[in-house]
Protein backbone atom coordinates (compact mmCIF):
# COMPACT_ATOMS: atom_id res chain seq x y z
CA MET A 1 -10.04 33.10 19.64
CA THR A 2 -6.31 33.54 19.85
CA ARG A 3 -4.04 32.58 16.95
CA PRO A 4 -2.55 29.49 18.68
CA ASP A 5 -6.07 28.28 19.59
CA LYS A 6 -7.18 28.75 15.98
CA GLU A 7 -4.15 26.86 14.71
CA ARG A 8 -4.86 23.97 17.08
CA GLN A 9 -8.51 23.86 16.03
CA VAL A 10 -7.46 23.68 12.33
CA ALA A 11 -4.88 21.05 13.06
CA ALA A 12 -7.39 18.94 15.04
CA SER A 13 -10.02 18.94 12.27
CA GLY A 14 -8.40 16.17 10.22
CA PHE A 15 -7.89 13.51 12.95
CA SER A 16 -10.72 14.17 15.37
CA GLY A 17 -12.37 10.89 16.31
CA LYS A 18 -9.57 8.82 14.78
CA THR A 19 -7.16 6.66 16.67
CA ALA A 20 -3.42 6.44 16.06
CA VAL A 21 -1.27 3.71 17.57
CA ILE A 22 2.49 4.31 17.79
CA THR A 23 4.87 1.46 18.79
CA GLY A 24 8.05 2.72 20.44
CA GLY A 25 5.98 5.74 21.23
CA ALA A 26 7.46 6.65 24.63
CA THR A 27 10.70 8.32 23.42
CA GLY A 28 12.42 10.06 20.51
CA ILE A 29 10.72 10.01 17.14
CA GLY A 30 7.81 7.89 18.36
CA LEU A 31 7.05 10.34 21.16
CA ALA A 32 7.23 13.30 18.76
CA ILE A 33 4.85 11.53 16.36
CA ALA A 34 2.44 10.70 19.25
CA ARG A 35 2.41 14.37 20.34
CA ALA A 36 1.71 15.52 16.79
CA PHE A 37 -1.30 13.19 16.43
CA ALA A 38 -2.57 14.28 19.84
CA ALA A 39 -2.31 17.94 18.84
CA ALA A 40 -4.26 17.12 15.71
CA GLY A 41 -7.14 15.82 17.74
CA ALA A 42 -6.59 12.09 17.46
CA ASN A 43 -6.96 9.47 20.14
CA VAL A 44 -3.40 8.36 20.74
CA VAL A 45 -2.13 5.03 21.95
CA ILE A 46 1.53 4.49 22.65
CA ALA A 47 3.01 1.08 23.11
CA SER A 48 6.39 0.04 24.43
CA ARG A 49 8.05 -2.44 26.79
CA LYS A 50 8.80 -0.14 29.71
CA LYS A 51 5.81 1.01 31.72
CA GLU A 52 7.74 3.83 33.50
CA ASN A 53 8.67 5.39 30.10
CA LEU A 54 5.08 5.08 28.92
CA GLU A 55 3.70 6.79 31.92
CA LYS A 56 6.05 9.75 31.55
CA ALA A 57 5.38 9.99 27.85
CA GLU A 58 1.60 9.87 28.40
CA GLU A 59 1.83 12.99 30.57
CA LEU A 60 3.70 14.82 27.80
CA ILE A 61 1.25 13.75 25.12
CA ARG A 62 -1.71 14.85 27.24
CA ALA A 63 -0.25 18.30 27.42
CA SER A 64 -0.40 18.42 23.60
CA ALA A 65 -3.84 16.84 23.23
CA ALA A 66 -6.65 18.67 21.44
CA GLY A 67 -9.63 16.69 22.52
CA GLY A 68 -8.64 13.08 21.91
CA GLU A 69 -7.95 10.43 24.52
CA VAL A 70 -4.40 9.31 25.39
CA ALA A 71 -3.64 5.79 26.51
CA HIS A 72 -0.67 3.35 26.72
CA TRP A 73 -0.16 -0.37 26.54
CA VAL A 74 2.87 -2.29 27.67
CA LEU A 75 3.80 -4.33 24.63
CA ASP A 76 6.73 -6.36 23.25
CA VAL A 77 6.16 -6.40 19.50
CA ARG A 78 8.08 -9.67 19.29
CA ASP A 79 5.13 -11.39 20.85
CA ALA A 80 2.64 -11.95 18.07
CA GLU A 81 -0.15 -13.06 20.43
CA ALA A 82 0.33 -10.02 22.65
CA VAL A 83 0.20 -7.74 19.62
CA ASP A 84 -3.04 -9.31 18.43
CA ARG A 85 -4.53 -8.93 21.86
CA VAL A 86 -3.64 -5.26 22.12
CA ALA A 87 -5.04 -4.61 18.65
CA GLN A 88 -8.37 -6.02 19.79
CA GLU A 89 -8.30 -4.18 23.11
CA VAL A 90 -7.65 -0.89 21.30
CA ALA A 91 -10.56 -1.58 18.97
CA ASP A 92 -12.81 -2.39 21.95
CA ARG A 93 -11.85 0.70 23.86
CA PHE A 94 -12.50 3.15 20.96
CA GLY A 95 -15.36 1.29 19.35
CA ARG A 96 -13.57 0.52 16.09
CA PRO A 97 -10.12 -0.45 14.86
CA ALA A 98 -7.41 2.13 14.94
CA GLU A 99 -7.18 4.11 11.68
CA VAL A 100 -3.44 4.76 11.89
CA LEU A 101 -0.60 2.47 12.92
CA VAL A 102 2.98 3.78 13.15
CA ASN A 103 5.57 0.99 13.35
CA ASN A 104 8.40 2.75 15.13
CA ALA A 105 9.66 0.15 17.65
CA ALA A 106 13.24 -0.63 16.94
CA GLY A 107 16.56 -1.98 18.29
CA ASN A 108 20.04 -1.26 17.16
CA PHE A 109 23.71 -1.23 18.17
CA VAL A 110 26.99 -0.79 16.40
CA VAL A 111 29.00 -3.94 15.78
CA PRO A 112 31.01 -5.23 12.85
CA ALA A 113 29.28 -8.19 11.15
CA ALA A 114 32.12 -10.57 12.01
CA ARG A 115 31.53 -9.99 15.70
CA LEU A 116 27.72 -9.95 15.52
CA SER A 117 26.33 -12.88 17.50
CA PRO A 118 23.38 -14.95 16.35
CA ASN A 119 21.41 -13.69 19.39
CA GLY A 120 22.26 -10.04 18.57
CA TRP A 121 21.08 -10.58 14.97
CA ARG A 122 17.98 -12.41 16.04
CA THR A 123 16.98 -9.75 18.58
CA VAL A 124 17.14 -6.81 16.21
CA VAL A 125 15.51 -8.60 13.27
CA ASP A 126 12.75 -9.90 15.62
CA ILE A 127 11.92 -6.41 16.88
CA VAL A 128 12.29 -4.55 13.59
CA LEU A 129 11.03 -6.96 10.90
CA ASN A 130 8.94 -9.46 12.72
CA GLY A 131 7.46 -6.88 15.03
CA THR A 132 6.48 -4.68 12.12
CA PHE A 133 4.75 -7.58 10.42
CA TYR A 134 2.91 -8.69 13.57
CA CYS A 135 1.62 -5.26 14.26
CA SER A 136 0.74 -4.59 10.60
CA HIS A 137 -1.12 -7.85 10.40
CA ALA A 138 -3.00 -7.41 13.66
CA PHE A 139 -4.05 -3.83 13.11
CA GLY A 140 -4.31 -3.91 9.32
CA THR A 141 -6.55 -6.94 9.12
CA ARG A 142 -8.90 -5.33 11.60
CA MET A 143 -9.01 -2.08 9.47
CA MET A 144 -9.96 -4.13 6.45
CA GLU A 145 -12.46 -6.28 8.12
CA ALA A 146 -14.26 -3.24 9.54
CA GLY A 147 -14.04 -1.33 6.27
CA VAL A 148 -11.86 1.37 7.84
CA THR A 149 -9.85 3.66 5.60
CA GLY A 150 -6.53 3.27 7.28
CA HIS A 151 -2.84 4.08 7.06
CA ILE A 152 0.15 2.08 8.18
CA LEU A 153 3.41 3.99 8.48
CA ASN A 154 6.76 2.16 8.89
CA ILE A 155 9.88 3.92 10.09
CA VAL A 156 12.85 2.61 8.13
CA ALA A 157 16.28 3.97 7.34
CA THR A 158 18.28 4.84 4.21
CA TYR A 159 20.70 2.00 4.90
CA ALA A 160 17.77 -0.24 3.90
CA TRP A 161 19.08 0.27 0.38
CA THR A 162 22.60 1.67 0.83
CA GLY A 163 23.76 -1.00 3.30
CA GLY A 164 24.86 -0.18 6.83
CA PRO A 165 28.51 -0.97 7.83
CA GLY A 166 28.39 -1.63 11.54
CA THR A 167 24.62 -2.20 11.56
CA ALA A 168 24.16 -5.29 9.35
CA HIS A 169 21.33 -6.59 11.56
CA SER A 170 19.34 -3.39 11.49
CA ALA A 171 20.04 -2.67 7.85
CA ALA A 172 18.84 -6.07 6.76
CA ALA A 173 15.75 -5.80 8.94
CA LYS A 174 14.92 -2.32 7.65
CA ALA A 175 15.34 -3.51 4.11
CA GLY A 176 12.82 -6.25 4.90
CA VAL A 177 10.40 -3.62 6.29
CA LEU A 178 10.79 -1.47 3.21
CA SER A 179 9.92 -4.43 1.02
CA LEU A 180 6.98 -5.31 3.27
CA THR A 181 5.82 -1.72 2.95
CA GLN A 182 5.73 -1.97 -0.80
CA THR A 183 4.08 -5.40 -0.83
CA LEU A 184 1.30 -4.49 1.64
CA ALA A 185 0.69 -1.19 -0.20
CA VAL A 186 -0.43 -3.29 -3.20
CA GLU A 187 -2.24 -6.08 -1.37
CA TRP A 188 -4.02 -3.82 1.09
CA GLY A 189 -4.43 -0.65 -0.90
CA VAL A 190 -7.28 -2.15 -2.84
CA ARG A 191 -9.08 -2.55 0.48
CA GLY A 192 -8.59 1.00 1.61
CA VAL A 193 -5.40 0.65 3.72
CA ARG A 194 -2.43 2.74 2.53
CA VAL A 195 1.04 1.65 3.63
CA ASN A 196 4.05 3.98 3.46
CA ALA A 197 7.44 4.53 5.08
CA ILE A 198 9.73 7.31 6.30
CA ALA A 199 13.48 6.96 6.23
CA PRO A 200 14.89 9.40 8.73
CA GLY A 201 18.54 10.40 8.76
CA PRO A 202 20.51 11.20 11.90
CA ILE A 203 17.90 12.71 14.31
CA GLU A 204 18.90 14.49 17.54
CA ASP A 205 17.54 13.53 20.95
CA THR A 206 16.79 9.91 20.01
CA GLY A 207 18.04 6.61 21.35
CA GLY A 208 19.41 5.73 17.92
CA ALA A 209 21.60 8.76 17.78
CA GLU A 210 22.82 8.18 21.32
CA LYS A 211 23.91 4.67 20.50
CA LEU A 212 25.30 5.23 16.98
CA PHE A 213 26.97 8.58 17.46
CA ALA A 214 27.90 8.60 21.14
CA GLU A 215 31.49 9.75 20.55
CA PRO A 216 31.85 13.47 19.81
CA ARG A 217 34.20 12.75 16.88
CA VAL A 218 31.65 10.39 15.39
CA ALA A 219 28.79 12.81 15.88
CA GLU A 220 30.76 15.58 14.19
CA ALA A 221 31.74 13.30 11.23
CA VAL A 222 28.05 12.39 10.72
CA ARG A 223 27.00 16.02 10.97
CA GLN A 224 29.55 16.98 8.31
CA SER A 225 28.21 14.24 6.06
CA VAL A 226 24.80 15.88 5.98
CA PRO A 227 24.60 18.50 3.20
CA LEU A 228 22.24 20.57 5.31
CA GLY A 229 24.92 20.63 8.04
CA ARG A 230 22.88 19.45 11.00
CA PHE A 231 20.98 16.63 12.62
CA GLY A 232 17.29 16.44 12.02
CA ARG A 233 14.64 17.03 14.76
CA PRO A 234 12.08 14.46 15.91
CA GLU A 235 9.34 17.10 15.24
CA GLU A 236 10.35 17.25 11.54
CA ILE A 237 9.73 13.50 11.21
CA ALA A 238 6.46 13.86 13.11
CA ALA A 239 5.24 16.51 10.60
CA ILE A 240 5.83 14.12 7.74
CA ALA A 241 4.05 11.29 9.60
CA LEU A 242 1.05 13.47 10.18
CA TRP A 243 0.90 14.57 6.55
CA LEU A 244 1.28 11.05 5.17
CA SER A 245 -1.55 9.83 7.44
CA GLY A 246 -3.91 12.65 6.48
CA GLU A 247 -6.32 13.38 3.68
CA GLN A 248 -3.83 15.49 1.75
CA ALA A 249 -1.74 12.37 1.14
CA ALA A 250 -4.72 10.10 0.29
CA TYR A 251 -3.12 9.18 -3.03
CA VAL A 252 0.32 8.36 -1.65
CA ASN A 253 0.74 4.64 -1.20
CA GLY A 254 3.85 2.44 -1.22
CA ALA A 255 6.11 5.45 -0.93
CA CYS A 256 9.22 5.98 1.18
CA ILE A 257 9.87 9.59 2.14
CA VAL A 258 13.55 10.31 2.94
CA ALA A 259 14.19 12.94 5.53
CA ASP A 260 17.95 13.00 6.14
CA GLY A 261 19.13 16.37 4.90
CA GLY A 262 20.61 14.66 1.82
CA ALA A 263 22.92 12.52 3.86
CA TRP A 264 22.51 9.25 2.03
CA LEU A 265 23.42 10.99 -1.27
CA ASN A 266 26.64 11.88 0.40
CA LYS A 267 27.79 8.25 0.95
CA GLY A 268 25.87 7.50 4.17
CA PHE A 269 26.19 8.04 7.88
CA LEU A 270 29.12 5.78 8.83
CA PRO A 271 32.07 6.67 6.58
CA PHE A 272 34.27 6.45 9.73
CA PHE A 273 33.34 2.93 10.56
CA ASP A 274 36.27 0.53 10.82
CA GLY A 275 34.98 -3.10 10.57
């Protein structure tokens, strides 16, 4: 057995036979997380609104798979009934509820609060906060009813507690998700479902970075605000997601792991923002 094959076999041992569902799993951080779970032997389900993105992502994930199935569902997390239906369809397909849910679906754009429309506010809050609750409720209650030892992982952001000039809608929604993470960790932990969060900093090759740091001067200002001097990589967030969902983190519940190179300690990502 070659070394890469041996490493893949070891990685696959912890998630073989388990199912991980990743919302917003067709691109960026979500795709990296999906590929990591596939390489670890899990059945992987990605969900997003755009079928063409899901189909492309599924091919990439299959290339990383180590024995598990790979599937996709077209889903708008703002639709509570659709979310509940997908949770049941996933359970039916794999014979039991998914053991892991990663709430990664998000929406964001830069705008000063004074120019933020009610519709813009509503759209982001609906995707980020309401969508996270709908998915957590649909998948989490099925975990508990079936006696599954499960893990729900929410992708938040450090501006959930620092505030986010230029992203009031997303910052408020992420703060809500962080509070939800802590609340569900207590309520559902007693029934075998852990709930944690990751707060990534600026991550390269993601839709968020493209929207927030599109201008070269902005990207450079953000890079200089990171003590480690660089943007993070999606694969680095995926590694944390895999660890948090595995047996080695079985006593970690209600936590938020910050992976931002120390940026939030250096006064945040948007010091250049002029509201």
